Amino acid sequence: MNINIYYGGRGVIEDPTLYVLKKIESVFEEIHVKFTRYNLYDMKNTITTLPQTFKDADGIILADSVEWLGLGGYMHQFLDACWLYGDKTKISNLYMAPVVVSTSYGEKDAIHTLEKAWEVLGGKLCDGLCCYVEDPLDFEMNTVYGENIEKIAENIYRTISQKRTKLPSSNTALKQSLIKNSLELTPQESEQLSKYVSDDIYVKQQKEDIEELASKFKLMLSAQGDNVDDEVLSSFTTHFVPQKDFKASYLFTIEDKKNYLYIEVDNDSLQCRYEKRNDADVIAKISYEKLISITRGRITFQRAFMTGEMTAKGNFKTLRMLDQAFSFAGN
């Protein structure tokens, strides 16, 4: 059995959460449970890639400290990464035990936040640990507290090893509602996207490239005037590649032009015009310069989306079909 521990505190010596984790880890060692601890404060630049560490885990522990008001920022970033880049199929079979230790107020609210977040992600819950510590030294010296922590660790092990099932919660229904407005990413696409987001050098280079292209296209657009509108429609029509048994509609919100480009594909039929429609399968937002760059074959729709230069919502498989239905490469 493998259990991953994600600690969201600041790592200060007097943090009682660290003592609790050491007690839990000592129990795991005694019963021969493999565990790995990830200190989020040491990995703040790569938090977006941490959901990929779920692959070989049977269960996880999310541990955080409440120092003044609610969960710490690192834990919030980690939960955001789980929602944006985590493999939802893997999470649905993953047990999570929350551990929250407060030195001020709000430990119950914090542990409820962790439990709710994990249920919305689709995961399974274990009974965890929640307590208030006034004096860290007194807390560590109290043998009764230590025994309680050890019993909780043993219960976490039993829940995960026996795959115990809890009664359903309304948070599951909330997850289904939220997921409708998110893109469906494969595990490979989620992993790739999380690496892009965490790579500061890559993101910086992309921004510089965008600025350089934007300045060039602004000069081109000012010189060409309204002819560019005709060029976009002509490019989509000329480079259309019919797809058998494929029907979809796309609406592009063109930010800097405050205009809408509607495209409808039905097997070998294509409609392409400037019109706002609310019933499109995929709704995307992109700058005019970036749209021109795509139609001239400089980048693909997939790359524009993966680098954040184009945002979209709807069916991700339908979004990926754009690069197949319109062959701008080599244009």
Protein backbone atom coordinates (compact mmCIF):
# COMPACT_ATOMS: atom_id res chain seq x y z
CA MET A 1 0.00 0.00 0.00
CA ASN A 2 1.20 3.51 -0.89
CA ILE A 3 0.01 6.65 0.91
CA ASN A 4 1.04 10.15 -0.14
CA ILE A 5 1.09 12.96 2.41
CA TYR A 6 0.74 16.57 1.25
CA TYR A 7 1.67 19.11 3.92
CA GLY A 8 0.44 22.65 3.27
CA GLY A 9 1.94 24.47 6.26
CA ARG A 10 4.98 26.75 6.31
CA GLY A 11 7.32 24.18 7.82
CA VAL A 12 8.17 26.19 10.93
CA ILE A 13 9.59 24.16 13.83
CA GLU A 14 6.80 24.99 16.26
CA ASP A 15 4.04 23.89 13.88
CA PRO A 16 2.19 21.10 15.75
CA THR A 17 0.98 19.66 12.44
CA LEU A 18 4.53 18.39 11.85
CA TYR A 19 4.42 16.51 15.16
CA VAL A 20 1.10 14.93 14.18
CA LEU A 21 2.50 13.84 10.82
CA LYS A 22 5.57 12.28 12.49
CA LYS A 23 3.30 10.24 14.76
CA ILE A 24 1.22 9.09 11.78
CA GLU A 25 4.33 8.23 9.78
CA SER A 26 5.76 6.21 12.68
CA VAL A 27 2.58 4.10 12.73
CA PHE A 28 2.84 3.54 8.98
CA GLU A 29 6.43 2.40 9.39
CA GLU A 30 5.43 -0.12 12.06
CA ILE A 31 2.73 -1.68 9.88
CA HIS A 32 4.94 -1.56 6.75
CA VAL A 33 2.94 0.99 4.80
CA LYS A 34 4.90 2.88 2.17
CA PHE A 35 4.46 6.63 2.35
CA THR A 36 5.88 9.75 0.73
CA ARG A 37 5.55 13.24 2.14
CA TYR A 38 5.37 16.27 -0.16
CA ASN A 39 6.04 19.61 1.57
CA LEU A 40 4.20 22.15 -0.55
CA TYR A 41 6.31 25.06 0.72
CA ASP A 42 9.37 23.39 -0.82
CA MET A 43 7.55 22.79 -4.13
CA LYS A 44 5.62 26.04 -4.54
CA ASN A 45 6.86 26.48 -8.12
CA THR A 46 5.76 23.00 -9.18
CA ILE A 47 2.50 22.58 -7.26
CA THR A 48 0.59 22.31 -10.55
CA THR A 49 2.43 19.06 -11.36
CA LEU A 50 1.78 17.37 -7.99
CA PRO A 51 -1.59 15.79 -8.96
CA GLN A 52 0.46 13.53 -11.26
CA THR A 53 1.94 11.92 -8.11
CA PHE A 54 -1.45 10.29 -7.46
CA LYS A 55 -0.69 7.59 -10.04
CA ASP A 56 0.70 4.94 -7.68
CA ALA A 57 -1.11 6.03 -4.50
CA ASP A 58 -3.88 4.05 -2.79
CA GLY A 59 -4.71 6.95 -0.51
CA ILE A 60 -3.54 10.41 0.46
CA ILE A 61 -3.42 12.64 3.51
CA LEU A 62 -3.98 16.37 3.13
CA ALA A 63 -2.44 18.06 6.16
CA ASP A 64 -2.59 21.78 6.89
CA SER A 65 -2.19 24.27 9.72
CA VAL A 66 -4.67 27.00 10.62
CA GLU A 67 -2.58 29.89 11.87
CA TRP A 68 -5.08 32.73 11.66
CA LEU A 69 -7.96 32.18 9.21
CA GLY A 70 -8.67 29.00 7.28
CA LEU A 71 -6.42 26.87 5.12
CA GLY A 72 -3.04 28.16 3.96
CA GLY A 73 -2.39 29.39 0.44
CA TYR A 74 -0.26 26.41 -0.59
CA MET A 75 -3.10 23.98 0.08
CA HIS A 76 -5.52 26.12 -1.90
CA GLN A 77 -3.09 26.12 -4.84
CA PHE A 78 -2.77 22.36 -4.59
CA LEU A 79 -6.55 21.83 -4.59
CA ASP A 80 -6.86 24.16 -7.60
CA ALA A 81 -4.24 22.07 -9.40
CA CYS A 82 -6.20 18.89 -8.61
CA TRP A 83 -9.31 20.40 -10.19
CA LEU A 84 -7.57 21.83 -13.25
CA TYR A 85 -4.94 19.19 -14.02
CA GLY A 86 -5.75 16.10 -11.93
CA ASP A 87 -6.85 12.80 -13.45
CA LYS A 88 -10.49 12.68 -12.32
CA THR A 89 -10.70 8.94 -12.98
CA LYS A 90 -7.78 8.29 -10.63
CA ILE A 91 -9.14 10.70 -8.02
CA SER A 92 -12.52 8.95 -8.04
CA ASN A 93 -10.84 5.83 -6.61
CA LEU A 94 -8.50 7.65 -4.22
CA TYR A 95 -9.12 7.89 -0.47
CA MET A 96 -8.26 11.15 1.30
CA ALA A 97 -7.80 11.64 5.04
CA PRO A 98 -7.77 15.30 6.19
CA VAL A 99 -5.48 16.43 9.00
CA VAL A 100 -5.98 19.95 10.34
CA VAL A 101 -4.29 21.42 13.40
CA SER A 102 -5.17 24.93 14.52
CA THR A 103 -3.23 27.31 16.75
CA SER A 104 -5.92 29.99 16.54
CA TYR A 105 -9.51 29.27 15.48
CA GLY A 106 -11.36 27.54 12.68
CA GLU A 107 -10.00 23.99 12.52
CA LYS A 108 -13.49 22.53 12.00
CA ASP A 109 -14.24 24.91 9.16
CA ALA A 110 -10.90 24.07 7.57
CA ILE A 111 -11.36 20.30 7.73
CA HIS A 112 -14.86 20.70 6.32
CA THR A 113 -13.36 22.67 3.41
CA LEU A 114 -10.90 19.87 2.68
CA GLU A 115 -13.61 17.20 2.83
CA LYS A 116 -15.98 19.19 0.62
CA ALA A 117 -13.24 19.95 -1.93
CA TRP A 118 -12.27 16.29 -2.20
CA GLU A 119 -15.88 15.16 -2.60
CA VAL A 120 -16.44 17.75 -5.32
CA LEU A 121 -13.33 16.42 -7.04
CA GLY A 122 -15.02 13.01 -6.93
CA GLY A 123 -12.71 11.31 -4.43
CA LYS A 124 -13.44 9.14 -1.40
CA LEU A 125 -13.12 10.22 2.23
CA CYS A 126 -11.49 8.73 5.33
CA ASP A 127 -12.09 9.97 8.86
CA GLY A 128 -9.22 12.30 9.65
CA LEU A 129 -7.91 14.41 12.50
CA CYS A 130 -8.94 17.85 13.65
CA CYS A 131 -7.71 19.59 16.81
CA TYR A 132 -6.73 22.87 18.47
CA VAL A 133 -3.30 23.32 20.04
CA GLU A 134 -2.64 26.13 22.49
CA ASP A 135 0.88 25.10 23.57
CA PRO A 136 2.82 22.86 21.12
CA LEU A 137 5.13 21.54 23.84
CA ASP A 138 2.29 20.51 26.16
CA PHE A 139 0.53 18.92 23.21
CA GLU A 140 3.57 16.80 22.30
CA MET A 141 4.16 15.75 25.92
CA ASN A 142 0.60 14.54 26.40
CA THR A 143 0.69 10.74 25.99
CA VAL A 144 -3.11 10.49 25.67
CA TYR A 145 -3.06 12.80 22.65
CA GLY A 146 -0.25 10.74 21.15
CA GLU A 147 -2.23 7.51 21.55
CA ASN A 148 -5.28 9.12 19.92
CA ILE A 149 -3.20 10.19 16.93
CA GLU A 150 -1.83 6.66 16.56
CA LYS A 151 -5.36 5.20 16.63
CA ILE A 152 -6.46 7.65 13.96
CA ALA A 153 -3.48 6.63 11.78
CA GLU A 154 -4.44 2.96 12.20
CA ASN A 155 -8.03 3.75 11.22
CA ILE A 156 -6.82 5.58 8.09
CA TYR A 157 -4.87 2.46 7.15
CA ARG A 158 -7.89 0.19 7.70
CA THR A 159 -10.24 2.42 5.71
CA ILE A 160 -7.90 2.49 2.71
CA SER A 161 -6.86 -1.18 2.84
CA GLN A 162 -10.44 -2.41 3.28
CA LYS A 163 -11.83 0.14 0.79
CA ARG A 164 -14.65 1.11 3.11
CA THR A 165 -17.57 2.91 1.52
CA LYS A 166 -19.35 5.93 2.95
CA LEU A 167 -22.90 7.06 2.25
CA PRO A 168 -23.29 9.44 -0.72
CA SER A 169 -23.20 13.21 -0.33
CA SER A 170 -24.81 16.11 -2.22
CA ASN A 171 -21.29 17.30 -3.03
CA THR A 172 -21.18 14.51 -5.63
CA ALA A 173 -24.11 16.13 -7.44
CA LEU A 174 -22.33 19.50 -7.21
CA LYS A 175 -19.30 17.97 -8.91
CA GLN A 176 -21.43 16.74 -11.81
CA SER A 177 -22.85 20.24 -12.23
CA LEU A 178 -19.41 21.91 -12.20
CA ILE A 179 -17.81 19.40 -14.55
CA LYS A 180 -20.28 20.33 -17.30
CA ASN A 181 -18.58 23.72 -17.61
CA SER A 182 -15.04 22.35 -17.68
CA LEU A 183 -13.04 20.85 -20.53
CA GLU A 184 -12.51 17.11 -20.69
CA LEU A 185 -8.75 16.46 -20.66
CA THR A 186 -7.07 13.10 -21.00
CA PRO A 187 -4.53 12.23 -18.26
CA GLN A 188 -1.73 12.83 -20.76
CA GLU A 189 -3.11 16.27 -21.72
CA SER A 190 -3.58 17.21 -18.06
CA GLU A 191 0.00 16.25 -17.27
CA GLN A 192 1.37 18.17 -20.23
CA LEU A 193 -0.68 21.27 -19.41
CA SER A 194 0.37 21.21 -15.74
CA LYS A 195 4.04 21.14 -16.82
CA TYR A 196 3.52 24.09 -19.15
CA VAL A 197 1.91 26.13 -16.37
CA SER A 198 4.73 25.36 -13.89
CA ASP A 199 7.53 26.20 -16.36
CA ASP A 200 8.22 29.89 -15.74
CA ILE A 201 10.81 30.09 -18.52
CA TYR A 202 8.39 28.60 -21.05
CA VAL A 203 5.55 30.92 -20.02
CA LYS A 204 7.86 33.96 -20.16
CA GLN A 205 9.07 33.01 -23.65
CA GLN A 206 5.50 32.52 -24.85
CA LYS A 207 4.53 35.97 -23.58
CA GLU A 208 7.49 37.54 -25.37
CA ASP A 209 6.59 35.71 -28.58
CA ILE A 210 2.99 36.88 -28.28
CA GLU A 211 4.04 40.49 -27.79
CA GLU A 212 6.35 40.34 -30.80
CA LEU A 213 3.69 38.76 -33.01
CA ALA A 214 1.06 41.20 -31.75
CA SER A 215 3.12 44.22 -32.76
CA LYS A 216 3.74 42.75 -36.22
CA PHE A 217 0.08 41.86 -36.79
CA LYS A 218 -1.11 45.27 -35.64
CA LEU A 219 0.97 46.85 -38.41
CA MET A 220 -0.36 44.33 -40.92
CA LEU A 221 -3.95 44.85 -39.83
CA SER A 222 -3.69 48.61 -40.02
CA ALA A 223 -2.32 48.29 -43.57
CA GLN A 224 -4.87 45.75 -44.76
CA GLY A 225 -7.96 47.21 -43.15
CA ASP A 226 -11.21 45.30 -43.59
CA ASN A 227 -9.65 42.90 -46.10
CA VAL A 228 -8.45 40.81 -43.16
CA ASP A 229 -12.06 39.88 -42.34
CA ASP A 230 -12.42 38.43 -45.82
CA GLU A 231 -9.06 36.67 -45.45
CA VAL A 232 -10.23 34.80 -42.31
CA LEU A 233 -13.45 33.58 -43.91
CA SER A 234 -11.58 32.64 -47.09
CA SER A 235 -8.91 30.75 -45.15
CA PHE A 236 -11.43 28.62 -43.28
CA THR A 237 -13.30 27.85 -46.49
CA THR A 238 -10.17 27.07 -48.52
CA HIS A 239 -8.54 24.83 -45.92
CA PHE A 240 -11.64 22.93 -44.87
CA VAL A 241 -11.12 19.15 -44.71
CA PRO A 242 -14.47 17.26 -44.53
CA GLN A 243 -14.70 14.74 -41.68
CA LYS A 244 -16.92 11.70 -42.03
CA ASP A 245 -19.72 11.42 -39.45
CA PHE A 246 -18.66 14.63 -37.76
CA LYS A 247 -20.96 17.51 -36.92
CA ALA A 248 -20.08 20.44 -34.67
CA SER A 249 -20.37 24.19 -34.26
CA TYR A 250 -17.84 26.71 -32.93
CA LEU A 251 -18.17 30.30 -31.78
CA PHE A 252 -15.02 32.40 -31.56
CA THR A 253 -15.23 35.57 -29.51
CA ILE A 254 -12.65 37.86 -31.07
CA GLU A 255 -11.54 40.02 -28.15
CA ASP A 256 -9.87 43.05 -29.71
CA LYS A 257 -12.37 43.29 -32.59
CA LYS A 258 -15.44 42.80 -30.36
CA ASN A 259 -16.80 40.47 -33.00
CA TYR A 260 -17.96 36.86 -33.25
CA LEU A 261 -16.98 34.21 -35.79
CA TYR A 262 -19.41 31.30 -36.11
CA ILE A 263 -18.37 28.06 -37.81
CA GLU A 264 -20.63 25.06 -38.38
CA VAL A 265 -19.35 21.75 -39.78
CA ASP A 266 -21.67 18.98 -40.93
CA ASN A 267 -19.73 16.18 -42.67
CA ASP A 268 -18.67 17.84 -45.97
CA SER A 269 -20.75 20.98 -45.42
CA LEU A 270 -19.29 24.18 -43.97
CA GLN A 271 -20.86 27.44 -42.85
CA CYS A 272 -18.56 30.26 -41.80
CA ARG A 273 -19.77 33.77 -41.00
CA TYR A 274 -19.53 36.63 -38.51
CA GLU A 275 -22.47 36.07 -36.20
CA LYS A 276 -23.10 35.58 -32.48
CA ARG A 277 -24.76 32.27 -31.60
CA ASN A 278 -25.40 30.90 -28.12
CA ASP A 279 -25.94 27.27 -29.12
CA ALA A 280 -22.39 26.44 -30.30
CA ASP A 281 -20.81 23.17 -29.09
CA VAL A 282 -17.55 24.94 -28.30
CA ILE A 283 -17.21 28.60 -27.30
CA ALA A 284 -13.69 30.00 -27.55
CA LYS A 285 -12.07 33.36 -26.91
CA ILE A 286 -9.05 34.51 -28.90
CA SER A 287 -7.38 37.69 -30.09
CA TYR A 288 -7.60 38.70 -33.74
CA GLU A 289 -3.83 38.55 -34.14
CA LYS A 290 -3.70 34.99 -32.80
CA LEU A 291 -6.57 33.91 -35.08
CA ILE A 292 -4.68 35.27 -38.07
CA SER A 293 -1.57 33.41 -36.89
CA ILE A 294 -3.55 30.15 -36.85
CA THR A 295 -5.11 30.64 -40.29
CA ARG A 296 -1.67 31.36 -41.73
CA GLY A 297 -0.31 28.10 -40.33
CA ARG A 298 2.10 29.56 -37.79
CA ILE A 299 0.52 27.72 -34.84
CA THR A 300 -2.32 25.24 -34.30
CA PHE A 301 -5.55 25.57 -32.35
CA GLN A 302 -4.24 22.93 -29.92
CA ARG A 303 -1.05 24.86 -29.17
CA ALA A 304 -2.96 28.13 -28.75
CA PHE A 305 -5.21 26.45 -26.20
CA MET A 306 -2.44 24.63 -24.32
CA THR A 307 -0.41 27.84 -23.94
CA GLY A 308 -3.40 29.88 -22.79
CA GLU A 309 -3.48 32.09 -25.88
CA MET A 310 -6.97 30.78 -26.59
CA THR A 311 -9.49 29.87 -23.91
CA ALA A 312 -12.45 27.61 -24.53
CA LYS A 313 -15.29 25.74 -22.90
CA GLY A 314 -17.34 22.84 -24.15
CA ASN A 315 -16.47 19.36 -25.37
CA PHE A 316 -12.68 19.06 -25.53
CA LYS A 317 -12.79 16.29 -28.16
CA THR A 318 -14.80 18.59 -30.40
CA LEU A 319 -12.26 21.36 -29.80
CA ARG A 320 -9.39 19.09 -30.85
CA MET A 321 -11.16 18.35 -34.14
CA LEU A 322 -10.50 21.92 -35.31
CA ASP A 323 -6.95 21.06 -36.37
CA GLN A 324 -8.27 18.09 -38.37
CA ALA A 325 -11.21 19.88 -39.96
CA PHE A 326 -9.04 22.85 -41.02
CA SER A 327 -5.56 22.09 -42.35
CA PHE A 328 -3.70 25.40 -42.05
CA ALA A 329 -0.29 23.76 -41.55
CA GLY A 330 2.17 24.72 -44.26
CA ASN A 331 -0.13 27.51 -45.40
